[in-house]
Amino acid sequence: MKTSDLHCITPEGFTLIELLAVLTIAGILLGMGVPSFRSLMQSQKLTTAVNDFFVSISLTRSEAIKRGRRVDLVPKEAGGDWAQGWVVFVDENDNQRPDAGEQVIFAHDAVPAGLTVSTSLTDSKVQYLAYNGYGRTRTNASGMQTQFGTFAFRLDKQARKIKLNFLGRPRICNPEIEPGTC
């Protein structure tokens, strides 16, 4: 082998300093992006839980209209914590609990950890939402007295609300964007 051939060989790969510089820059960029990604994930969890609950309210209302009778939406657990899940069912004995023999239409499991659900409803003695066969909310006191109010969902610093109007129609709102009407 001639000495001139040795000079034509170029080394392949990176030096240790080049590799450390690239890893440092990648670490800085990743560190800047992680908080934004966490906020996005929290927002998605909150949005999913609120949308699931909204759909459950709509299902309760449509099933009541379809059946022409009372259908209830209640917390899954007897303690009344909506964050532990909820159930849509036909309440045969008017006790706001799905008992043996009563038809369960839909059941939802617990929401993600850290998410809280609170209510402010007309009849707040027992946690429930009931629709009559005309698609209007009702209370236990009277089939003609409406149940309206708010379901508030909170996860970290983010919040959403589902507001029920006098007719029982739900709507989702964000208190940060529309503080006056939410």
N, C-alpha and C. Protein backbone atom coordinates (compact mmCIF):
# COMPACT_ATOMS: atom_id res chain seq x y z
N MET A 1 0.85 -1.16 0.00
CA MET A 1 0.00 0.00 0.00
C MET A 1 0.90 1.23 0.00
N LYS A 2 0.57 2.16 -0.83
CA LYS A 2 1.36 3.38 -0.93
C LYS A 2 0.91 4.37 0.13
N THR A 3 1.77 5.26 0.47
CA THR A 3 1.42 6.29 1.45
C THR A 3 0.40 7.27 0.92
N SER A 4 0.32 7.46 -0.35
CA SER A 4 -0.67 8.37 -0.91
C SER A 4 -2.08 7.80 -0.78
N ASP A 5 -2.21 6.47 -0.77
CA ASP A 5 -3.52 5.83 -0.59
C ASP A 5 -4.06 6.02 0.83
N LEU A 6 -3.18 6.16 1.79
CA LEU A 6 -3.62 6.34 3.18
C LEU A 6 -4.30 7.68 3.39
N HIS A 7 -3.93 8.68 2.66
CA HIS A 7 -4.52 10.00 2.82
C HIS A 7 -5.93 10.09 2.23
N CYS A 8 -6.31 9.18 1.36
CA CYS A 8 -7.63 9.20 0.73
C CYS A 8 -8.71 8.58 1.61
N ILE A 9 -8.34 7.88 2.62
CA ILE A 9 -9.32 7.25 3.50
C ILE A 9 -9.87 8.32 4.44
N THR A 10 -11.22 8.51 4.39
CA THR A 10 -11.84 9.49 5.27
C THR A 10 -12.50 8.76 6.43
N PRO A 11 -12.38 9.26 7.61
CA PRO A 11 -12.99 8.59 8.77
C PRO A 11 -14.51 8.74 8.71
N GLU A 12 -15.23 7.71 9.11
CA GLU A 12 -16.68 7.74 9.14
C GLU A 12 -17.15 7.77 10.58
N GLY A 13 -18.31 8.45 10.83
CA GLY A 13 -18.86 8.53 12.17
C GLY A 13 -18.71 9.92 12.75
N PHE A 14 -19.06 10.04 14.04
CA PHE A 14 -19.03 11.32 14.72
C PHE A 14 -18.01 11.27 15.84
N THR A 15 -17.50 12.42 16.15
CA THR A 15 -16.61 12.48 17.30
C THR A 15 -17.47 12.56 18.55
N LEU A 16 -16.89 12.33 19.65
CA LEU A 16 -17.60 12.37 20.92
C LEU A 16 -18.16 13.78 21.19
N ILE A 17 -17.44 14.80 20.85
CA ILE A 17 -17.89 16.17 21.07
C ILE A 17 -19.09 16.49 20.19
N GLU A 18 -19.08 16.06 18.93
CA GLU A 18 -20.23 16.28 18.05
C GLU A 18 -21.48 15.56 18.58
N LEU A 19 -21.30 14.34 19.03
CA LEU A 19 -22.42 13.57 19.57
C LEU A 19 -23.00 14.22 20.82
N LEU A 20 -22.17 14.68 21.73
CA LEU A 20 -22.63 15.35 22.94
C LEU A 20 -23.35 16.65 22.61
N ALA A 21 -22.88 17.38 21.63
CA ALA A 21 -23.53 18.63 21.24
C ALA A 21 -24.93 18.36 20.70
N VAL A 22 -25.08 17.36 19.86
CA VAL A 22 -26.38 17.01 19.30
C VAL A 22 -27.33 16.53 20.40
N LEU A 23 -26.85 15.71 21.31
CA LEU A 23 -27.68 15.22 22.41
C LEU A 23 -28.10 16.37 23.34
N THR A 24 -27.23 17.32 23.57
CA THR A 24 -27.57 18.47 24.41
C THR A 24 -28.67 19.32 23.77
N ILE A 25 -28.53 19.59 22.49
CA ILE A 25 -29.55 20.37 21.78
C ILE A 25 -30.88 19.62 21.76
N ALA A 26 -30.85 18.32 21.51
CA ALA A 26 -32.09 17.51 21.51
C ALA A 26 -32.74 17.52 22.90
N GLY A 27 -31.94 17.44 23.95
CA GLY A 27 -32.48 17.48 25.31
C GLY A 27 -33.14 18.81 25.63
N ILE A 28 -32.53 19.91 25.19
CA ILE A 28 -33.10 21.24 25.42
C ILE A 28 -34.44 21.37 24.69
N LEU A 29 -34.50 20.95 23.42
CA LEU A 29 -35.74 21.03 22.65
C LEU A 29 -36.83 20.15 23.25
N LEU A 30 -36.47 18.96 23.68
CA LEU A 30 -37.43 18.06 24.29
C LEU A 30 -37.95 18.63 25.61
N GLY A 31 -37.07 19.22 26.39
CA GLY A 31 -37.47 19.84 27.66
C GLY A 31 -38.42 21.01 27.47
N MET A 32 -38.28 21.72 26.37
CA MET A 32 -39.18 22.83 26.10
C MET A 32 -40.55 22.33 25.62
N GLY A 33 -40.60 21.18 24.97
CA GLY A 33 -41.84 20.68 24.40
C GLY A 33 -42.69 19.86 25.35
N VAL A 34 -42.11 19.25 26.36
CA VAL A 34 -42.85 18.37 27.27
C VAL A 34 -43.97 19.09 28.03
N PRO A 35 -43.78 20.27 28.60
CA PRO A 35 -44.89 20.92 29.30
C PRO A 35 -46.08 21.20 28.37
N SER A 36 -45.82 21.61 27.15
CA SER A 36 -46.90 21.85 26.20
C SER A 36 -47.63 20.56 25.88
N PHE A 37 -46.90 19.49 25.74
CA PHE A 37 -47.49 18.20 25.44
C PHE A 37 -48.35 17.72 26.60
N ARG A 38 -47.89 17.93 27.83
CA ARG A 38 -48.67 17.53 29.01
C ARG A 38 -49.99 18.30 29.07
N SER A 39 -49.93 19.60 28.79
CA SER A 39 -51.13 20.41 28.77
C SER A 39 -52.10 19.92 27.70
N LEU A 40 -51.59 19.57 26.55
CA LEU A 40 -52.42 19.04 25.47
C LEU A 40 -53.08 17.73 25.88
N MET A 41 -52.34 16.85 26.54
CA MET A 41 -52.89 15.57 26.99
C MET A 41 -53.98 15.78 28.04
N GLN A 42 -53.78 16.71 28.97
CA GLN A 42 -54.79 17.01 29.98
C GLN A 42 -56.06 17.57 29.33
N SER A 43 -55.87 18.44 28.35
CA SER A 43 -57.01 19.01 27.64
C SER A 43 -57.80 17.92 26.91
N GLN A 44 -57.10 16.98 26.31
CA GLN A 44 -57.77 15.89 25.60
C GLN A 44 -58.54 14.99 26.56
N LYS A 45 -57.97 14.70 27.72
CA LYS A 45 -58.67 13.88 28.72
C LYS A 45 -59.95 14.56 29.19
N LEU A 46 -59.86 15.85 29.45
CA LEU A 46 -61.02 16.61 29.90
C LEU A 46 -62.09 16.65 28.81
N THR A 47 -61.69 16.95 27.59
CA THR A 47 -62.63 17.02 26.47
C THR A 47 -63.32 15.68 26.24
N THR A 48 -62.57 14.60 26.32
CA THR A 48 -63.15 13.27 26.12
C THR A 48 -64.19 12.96 27.20
N ALA A 49 -63.86 13.24 28.47
CA ALA A 49 -64.79 12.96 29.56
C ALA A 49 -66.06 13.80 29.42
N VAL A 50 -65.92 15.07 29.09
CA VAL A 50 -67.09 15.96 28.95
C VAL A 50 -67.95 15.49 27.78
N ASN A 51 -67.33 15.15 26.66
CA ASN A 51 -68.09 14.67 25.50
C ASN A 51 -68.80 13.36 25.80
N ASP A 52 -68.14 12.45 26.52
CA ASP A 52 -68.79 11.19 26.92
C ASP A 52 -70.02 11.45 27.78
N PHE A 53 -69.90 12.38 28.71
CA PHE A 53 -71.03 12.70 29.58
C PHE A 53 -72.16 13.37 28.80
N PHE A 54 -71.80 14.27 27.91
CA PHE A 54 -72.78 14.94 27.06
C PHE A 54 -73.57 13.93 26.23
N VAL A 55 -72.86 12.96 25.66
CA VAL A 55 -73.52 11.92 24.87
C VAL A 55 -74.44 11.08 25.76
N SER A 56 -74.03 10.83 26.99
CA SER A 56 -74.87 10.07 27.92
C SER A 56 -76.15 10.84 28.26
N ILE A 57 -76.05 12.15 28.42
CA ILE A 57 -77.25 12.96 28.65
C ILE A 57 -78.17 12.88 27.44
N SER A 58 -77.60 13.01 26.26
CA SER A 58 -78.41 12.95 25.03
C SER A 58 -79.04 11.58 24.86
N LEU A 59 -78.31 10.52 25.21
CA LEU A 59 -78.86 9.16 25.15
C LEU A 59 -80.02 9.00 26.12
N THR A 60 -79.86 9.53 27.33
CA THR A 60 -80.92 9.44 28.34
C THR A 60 -82.18 10.12 27.82
N ARG A 61 -82.02 11.28 27.25
CA ARG A 61 -83.17 12.04 26.73
C ARG A 61 -83.83 11.31 25.56
N SER A 62 -83.03 10.84 24.62
CA SER A 62 -83.62 10.18 23.45
C SER A 62 -84.28 8.85 23.81
N GLU A 63 -83.72 8.13 24.77
CA GLU A 63 -84.34 6.86 25.21
C GLU A 63 -85.66 7.14 25.93
N ALA A 64 -85.73 8.21 26.70
CA ALA A 64 -86.98 8.57 27.38
C ALA A 64 -88.06 8.90 26.35
N ILE A 65 -87.70 9.63 25.32
CA ILE A 65 -88.66 9.97 24.27
C ILE A 65 -89.08 8.70 23.52
N LYS A 66 -88.12 7.88 23.17
CA LYS A 66 -88.40 6.65 22.42
C LYS A 66 -89.32 5.71 23.20
N ARG A 67 -89.06 5.58 24.49
CA ARG A 67 -89.84 4.67 25.33
C ARG A 67 -91.13 5.31 25.85
N GLY A 68 -91.19 6.63 25.82
CA GLY A 68 -92.36 7.32 26.33
C GLY A 68 -92.49 7.23 27.84
N ARG A 69 -91.37 7.12 28.52
CA ARG A 69 -91.37 6.99 29.98
C ARG A 69 -90.07 7.52 30.57
N ARG A 70 -89.99 7.55 31.87
CA ARG A 70 -88.84 8.08 32.59
C ARG A 70 -87.60 7.19 32.36
N VAL A 71 -86.48 7.87 32.07
CA VAL A 71 -85.16 7.22 31.99
C VAL A 71 -84.21 8.09 32.80
N ASP A 72 -83.35 7.45 33.61
CA ASP A 72 -82.46 8.16 34.52
C ASP A 72 -80.99 8.01 34.14
N LEU A 73 -80.22 9.04 34.49
CA LEU A 73 -78.77 9.03 34.42
C LEU A 73 -78.29 9.28 35.84
N VAL A 74 -77.56 8.31 36.41
CA VAL A 74 -77.11 8.43 37.81
C VAL A 74 -75.64 8.04 37.92
N PRO A 75 -74.97 8.47 39.00
CA PRO A 75 -73.60 8.01 39.23
C PRO A 75 -73.57 6.49 39.42
N LYS A 76 -72.51 5.87 38.98
CA LYS A 76 -72.38 4.41 39.08
C LYS A 76 -72.34 3.95 40.54
N GLU A 77 -71.61 4.69 41.36
CA GLU A 77 -71.48 4.35 42.77
C GLU A 77 -72.60 5.01 43.56
N ALA A 78 -73.05 4.34 44.61
CA ALA A 78 -74.15 4.85 45.43
C ALA A 78 -73.79 6.16 46.15
N GLY A 79 -72.50 6.46 46.31
CA GLY A 79 -72.08 7.68 47.01
C GLY A 79 -72.35 8.95 46.24
N GLY A 80 -72.66 8.86 44.96
CA GLY A 80 -72.99 10.04 44.18
C GLY A 80 -71.82 10.73 43.51
N ASP A 81 -70.67 10.05 43.39
CA ASP A 81 -69.50 10.65 42.76
C ASP A 81 -69.53 10.34 41.26
N TRP A 82 -69.83 11.35 40.44
CA TRP A 82 -69.92 11.16 38.99
C TRP A 82 -68.59 10.75 38.39
N ALA A 83 -67.47 11.11 39.02
CA ALA A 83 -66.15 10.77 38.49
C ALA A 83 -65.88 9.27 38.52
N GLN A 84 -66.67 8.52 39.30
CA GLN A 84 -66.50 7.06 39.36
C GLN A 84 -67.27 6.34 38.25
N GLY A 85 -67.94 7.11 37.40
CA GLY A 85 -68.70 6.53 36.30
C GLY A 85 -70.18 6.83 36.45
N TRP A 86 -70.96 6.49 35.41
CA TRP A 86 -72.39 6.75 35.43
C TRP A 86 -73.14 5.69 34.65
N VAL A 87 -74.44 5.64 34.89
CA VAL A 87 -75.31 4.62 34.30
C VAL A 87 -76.58 5.27 33.77
N VAL A 88 -77.00 4.86 32.57
CA VAL A 88 -78.29 5.26 32.01
C VAL A 88 -79.18 4.03 32.09
N PHE A 89 -80.37 4.17 32.71
CA PHE A 89 -81.23 3.01 32.90
C PHE A 89 -82.69 3.42 33.05
N VAL A 90 -83.57 2.44 32.91
CA VAL A 90 -85.01 2.65 33.11
C VAL A 90 -85.29 2.37 34.58
N ASP A 91 -85.68 3.39 35.32
CA ASP A 91 -85.89 3.27 36.76
C ASP A 91 -87.33 2.84 37.04
N GLU A 92 -87.54 1.56 37.22
CA GLU A 92 -88.89 1.02 37.43
C GLU A 92 -89.48 1.40 38.79
N ASN A 93 -88.61 1.47 39.82
CA ASN A 93 -89.14 1.71 41.17
C ASN A 93 -88.83 3.12 41.70
N ASP A 94 -88.36 4.02 40.86
CA ASP A 94 -88.11 5.42 41.22
C ASP A 94 -87.19 5.62 42.42
N ASN A 95 -86.13 4.80 42.52
CA ASN A 95 -85.19 4.97 43.63
C ASN A 95 -83.82 5.50 43.17
N GLN A 96 -83.68 5.86 41.92
CA GLN A 96 -82.45 6.39 41.34
C GLN A 96 -81.24 5.46 41.46
N ARG A 97 -81.48 4.18 41.56
CA ARG A 97 -80.41 3.19 41.59
C ARG A 97 -80.78 2.05 40.65
N PRO A 98 -79.85 1.61 39.82
CA PRO A 98 -80.15 0.47 38.93
C PRO A 98 -80.18 -0.84 39.74
N ASP A 99 -81.36 -1.33 39.98
CA ASP A 99 -81.54 -2.56 40.76
C ASP A 99 -81.65 -3.76 39.82
N ALA A 100 -81.63 -4.95 40.42
CA ALA A 100 -81.79 -6.17 39.64
C ALA A 100 -83.14 -6.14 38.93
N GLY A 101 -83.13 -6.48 37.67
CA GLY A 101 -84.36 -6.50 36.89
C GLY A 101 -84.63 -5.22 36.13
N GLU A 102 -83.95 -4.13 36.49
CA GLU A 102 -84.13 -2.88 35.75
C GLU A 102 -83.16 -2.86 34.57
N GLN A 103 -83.64 -2.35 33.45
CA GLN A 103 -82.85 -2.38 32.23
C GLN A 103 -81.80 -1.28 32.22
N VAL A 104 -80.52 -1.69 32.17
CA VAL A 104 -79.41 -0.75 32.03
C VAL A 104 -79.17 -0.55 30.54
N ILE A 105 -79.25 0.68 30.10
CA ILE A 105 -79.08 1.01 28.69
C ILE A 105 -77.62 1.26 28.36
N PHE A 106 -76.91 1.93 29.27
CA PHE A 106 -75.50 2.28 29.04
C PHE A 106 -74.81 2.48 30.37
N ALA A 107 -73.56 2.08 30.45
CA ALA A 107 -72.75 2.30 31.65
C ALA A 107 -71.38 2.81 31.22
N HIS A 108 -70.87 3.81 31.93
CA HIS A 108 -69.56 4.39 31.64
C HIS A 108 -68.67 4.20 32.85
N ASP A 109 -67.42 3.83 32.62
CA ASP A 109 -66.48 3.64 33.72
C ASP A 109 -65.97 4.98 34.24
N ALA A 110 -65.10 4.91 35.22
CA ALA A 110 -64.56 6.11 35.87
C ALA A 110 -63.79 6.97 34.88
N VAL A 111 -63.78 8.26 35.14
CA VAL A 111 -63.02 9.21 34.32
C VAL A 111 -61.55 9.15 34.74
N PRO A 112 -60.63 9.74 33.98
CA PRO A 112 -59.21 9.70 34.34
C PRO A 112 -58.94 10.26 35.74
N ALA A 113 -57.91 9.74 36.37
CA ALA A 113 -57.54 10.19 37.72
C ALA A 113 -57.27 11.68 37.73
N GLY A 114 -57.71 12.34 38.78
CA GLY A 114 -57.50 13.78 38.94
C GLY A 114 -58.63 14.62 38.39
N LEU A 115 -59.52 14.05 37.60
CA LEU A 115 -60.64 14.79 37.04
C LEU A 115 -61.79 14.76 38.04
N THR A 116 -62.35 15.91 38.36
CA THR A 116 -63.46 15.98 39.29
C THR A 116 -64.72 16.44 38.57
N VAL A 117 -65.86 15.95 39.04
CA VAL A 117 -67.15 16.33 38.48
C VAL A 117 -68.03 16.79 39.63
N SER A 118 -68.52 18.01 39.54
CA SER A 118 -69.43 18.53 40.57
C SER A 118 -70.71 19.00 39.89
N THR A 119 -71.78 19.04 40.68
CA THR A 119 -73.07 19.43 40.10
C THR A 119 -73.71 20.57 40.90
N SER A 120 -74.54 21.29 40.20
CA SER A 120 -75.38 22.31 40.81
C SER A 120 -76.72 22.21 40.09
N LEU A 121 -77.61 21.36 40.63
CA LEU A 121 -78.89 21.08 39.98
C LEU A 121 -80.04 21.55 40.86
N THR A 122 -81.22 21.65 40.26
CA THR A 122 -82.42 22.10 40.97
C THR A 122 -82.69 21.21 42.18
N ASP A 123 -82.77 19.90 41.94
CA ASP A 123 -83.00 18.94 43.02
C ASP A 123 -81.66 18.27 43.31
N SER A 124 -80.99 18.71 44.36
CA SER A 124 -79.65 18.21 44.63
C SER A 124 -79.59 17.27 45.83
N LYS A 125 -80.74 16.78 46.31
CA LYS A 125 -80.74 15.85 47.44
C LYS A 125 -80.04 14.55 47.06
N VAL A 126 -80.38 14.05 45.87
CA VAL A 126 -79.78 12.82 45.34
C VAL A 126 -79.21 13.18 43.97
N GLN A 127 -78.02 12.64 43.66
CA GLN A 127 -77.41 12.92 42.37
C GLN A 127 -78.09 12.08 41.28
N TYR A 128 -78.83 12.73 40.40
CA TYR A 128 -79.49 12.05 39.29
C TYR A 128 -79.92 13.08 38.25
N LEU A 129 -80.18 12.58 37.08
CA LEU A 129 -80.78 13.39 36.03
C LEU A 129 -81.82 12.48 35.38
N ALA A 130 -83.07 12.89 35.39
CA ALA A 130 -84.15 12.08 34.85
C ALA A 130 -84.89 12.85 33.77
N TYR A 131 -85.23 12.13 32.70
CA TYR A 131 -86.05 12.70 31.63
C TYR A 131 -87.37 11.96 31.57
N ASN A 132 -88.45 12.70 31.29
CA ASN A 132 -89.74 12.05 31.11
C ASN A 132 -89.93 11.70 29.63
N GLY A 133 -91.05 11.11 29.29
CA GLY A 133 -91.32 10.67 27.94
C GLY A 133 -91.44 11.77 26.91
N TYR A 134 -91.53 13.03 27.36
CA TYR A 134 -91.61 14.17 26.45
C TYR A 134 -90.23 14.79 26.18
N GLY A 135 -89.18 14.22 26.78
CA GLY A 135 -87.83 14.74 26.57
C GLY A 135 -87.47 15.91 27.44
N ARG A 136 -88.22 16.08 28.51
CA ARG A 136 -87.92 17.16 29.46
C ARG A 136 -87.40 16.56 30.75
N THR A 137 -86.53 17.30 31.41
CA THR A 137 -86.03 16.82 32.69
C THR A 137 -87.15 16.90 33.72
N ARG A 138 -87.01 16.13 34.75
CA ARG A 138 -88.00 16.13 35.83
C ARG A 138 -87.29 15.86 37.14
N THR A 139 -87.93 16.25 38.22
CA THR A 139 -87.39 15.97 39.55
C THR A 139 -88.19 14.84 40.18
N ASN A 140 -87.72 14.38 41.31
CA ASN A 140 -88.46 13.34 42.03
C ASN A 140 -89.72 13.91 42.67
N ALA A 141 -89.71 15.20 42.96
CA ALA A 141 -90.87 15.82 43.60
C ALA A 141 -92.07 15.82 42.67
N SER A 142 -91.83 16.03 41.37
CA SER A 142 -92.94 16.13 40.43
C SER A 142 -92.45 15.86 39.02
N GLY A 143 -93.26 15.16 38.26
CA GLY A 143 -92.94 14.93 36.86
C GLY A 143 -93.02 16.19 36.03
N MET A 144 -93.62 17.24 36.58
CA MET A 144 -93.78 18.51 35.86
C MET A 144 -92.72 19.54 36.27
N GLN A 145 -92.05 19.33 37.40
CA GLN A 145 -91.00 20.26 37.84
C GLN A 145 -89.70 19.89 37.14
N THR A 146 -89.08 20.86 36.46
CA THR A 146 -87.88 20.56 35.69
C THR A 146 -86.63 20.53 36.55
N GLN A 147 -85.68 19.75 36.10
CA GLN A 147 -84.37 19.64 36.73
C GLN A 147 -83.39 20.35 35.79
N PHE A 148 -82.80 21.45 36.21
CA PHE A 148 -81.82 22.14 35.38
C PHE A 148 -80.66 22.57 36.26
N GLY A 149 -79.56 22.93 35.62
CA GLY A 149 -78.38 23.33 36.37
C GLY A 149 -77.11 23.07 35.59
N THR A 150 -76.04 22.74 36.32
CA THR A 150 -74.71 22.63 35.72
C THR A 150 -73.95 21.41 36.23
N PHE A 151 -73.24 20.76 35.32
CA PHE A 151 -72.24 19.75 35.65
C PHE A 151 -70.89 20.38 35.34
N ALA A 152 -70.02 20.50 36.34
CA ALA A 152 -68.71 21.14 36.17
C ALA A 152 -67.61 20.09 36.21
N PHE A 153 -66.76 20.08 35.19
CA PHE A 153 -65.64 19.16 35.09
C PHE A 153 -64.36 19.95 35.24
N ARG A 154 -63.43 19.46 36.07
CA ARG A 154 -62.17 20.17 36.29
C ARG A 154 -61.02 19.16 36.33
N LEU A 155 -59.97 19.52 35.59
CA LEU A 155 -58.73 18.73 35.59
C LEU A 155 -57.57 19.72 35.60
N ASP A 156 -56.82 19.72 36.68
CA ASP A 156 -55.75 20.69 36.92
C ASP A 156 -56.33 22.10 36.83
N LYS A 157 -55.83 22.91 35.91
CA LYS A 157 -56.30 24.30 35.81
C LYS A 157 -57.37 24.46 34.73
N GLN A 158 -57.73 23.40 34.06
CA GLN A 158 -58.70 23.47 32.97
C GLN A 158 -60.08 23.07 33.46
N ALA A 159 -61.11 23.69 32.89
CA ALA A 159 -62.48 23.39 33.29
C ALA A 159 -63.41 23.45 32.08
N ARG A 160 -64.46 22.65 32.15
CA ARG A 160 -65.56 22.69 31.17
C ARG A 160 -66.85 22.49 31.96
N LYS A 161 -67.94 22.97 31.40
CA LYS A 161 -69.24 22.80 32.04
C LYS A 161 -70.25 22.29 31.02
N ILE A 162 -71.19 21.51 31.52
CA ILE A 162 -72.36 21.14 30.75
C ILE A 162 -73.53 21.80 31.45
N LYS A 163 -74.20 22.70 30.74
CA LYS A 163 -75.33 23.43 31.30
C LYS A 163 -76.62 22.85 30.73
N LEU A 164 -77.57 22.59 31.63
CA LEU A 164 -78.90 22.13 31.23
C LEU A 164 -79.86 23.31 31.34
N ASN A 165 -80.56 23.60 30.26
CA ASN A 165 -81.52 24.70 30.34
C ASN A 165 -82.85 24.20 30.91
N PHE A 166 -83.81 25.08 30.97
CA PHE A 166 -85.11 24.78 31.56
C PHE A 166 -85.83 23.64 30.85
N LEU A 167 -85.56 23.47 29.55
CA LEU A 167 -86.19 22.40 28.78
C LEU A 167 -85.43 21.08 28.87
N GLY A 168 -84.24 21.11 29.45
CA GLY A 168 -83.44 19.90 29.58
C GLY A 168 -82.43 19.71 28.47
N ARG A 169 -82.22 20.74 27.66
CA ARG A 169 -81.24 20.64 26.58
C ARG A 169 -79.86 20.96 27.13
N PRO A 170 -78.91 20.08 26.89
CA PRO A 170 -77.55 20.33 27.38
C PRO A 170 -76.71 21.11 26.36
N ARG A 171 -75.73 21.84 26.88
CA ARG A 171 -74.73 22.48 26.02
C ARG A 171 -73.41 22.52 26.79
N ILE A 172 -72.32 22.41 26.05
CA ILE A 172 -70.99 22.44 26.64
C ILE A 172 -70.44 23.85 26.52
N CYS A 173 -69.82 24.33 27.60
CA CYS A 173 -69.20 25.65 27.54
C CYS A 173 -67.87 25.63 28.30
N ASN A 174 -67.02 26.60 27.96
CA ASN A 174 -65.72 26.75 28.59
C ASN A 174 -65.72 28.05 29.39
N PRO A 175 -65.61 27.97 30.72
CA PRO A 175 -65.67 29.18 31.55
C PRO A 175 -64.55 30.18 31.27
N GLU A 176 -63.44 29.74 30.72
CA GLU A 176 -62.34 30.65 30.41
C GLU A 176 -62.66 31.50 29.19
N ILE A 177 -63.35 30.91 28.22
CA ILE A 177 -63.65 31.61 26.98
C ILE A 177 -64.91 32.46 27.09
N GLU A 178 -65.94 31.92 27.76
CA GLU A 178 -67.20 32.64 27.89
C GLU A 178 -67.63 32.74 29.36
N PRO A 179 -66.93 33.54 30.15
CA PRO A 179 -67.22 33.61 31.59
C PRO A 179 -68.61 34.15 31.93
N GLY A 180 -69.17 34.99 31.10
CA GLY A 180 -70.45 35.60 31.40
C GLY A 180 -71.63 34.64 31.26
N THR A 181 -71.55 33.70 30.32
CA THR A 181 -72.67 32.80 30.05
C THR A 181 -72.41 31.38 30.48
N CYS A 182 -71.26 31.11 30.97
CA CYS A 182 -70.93 29.74 31.37
C CYS A 182 -70.92 29.69 32.86
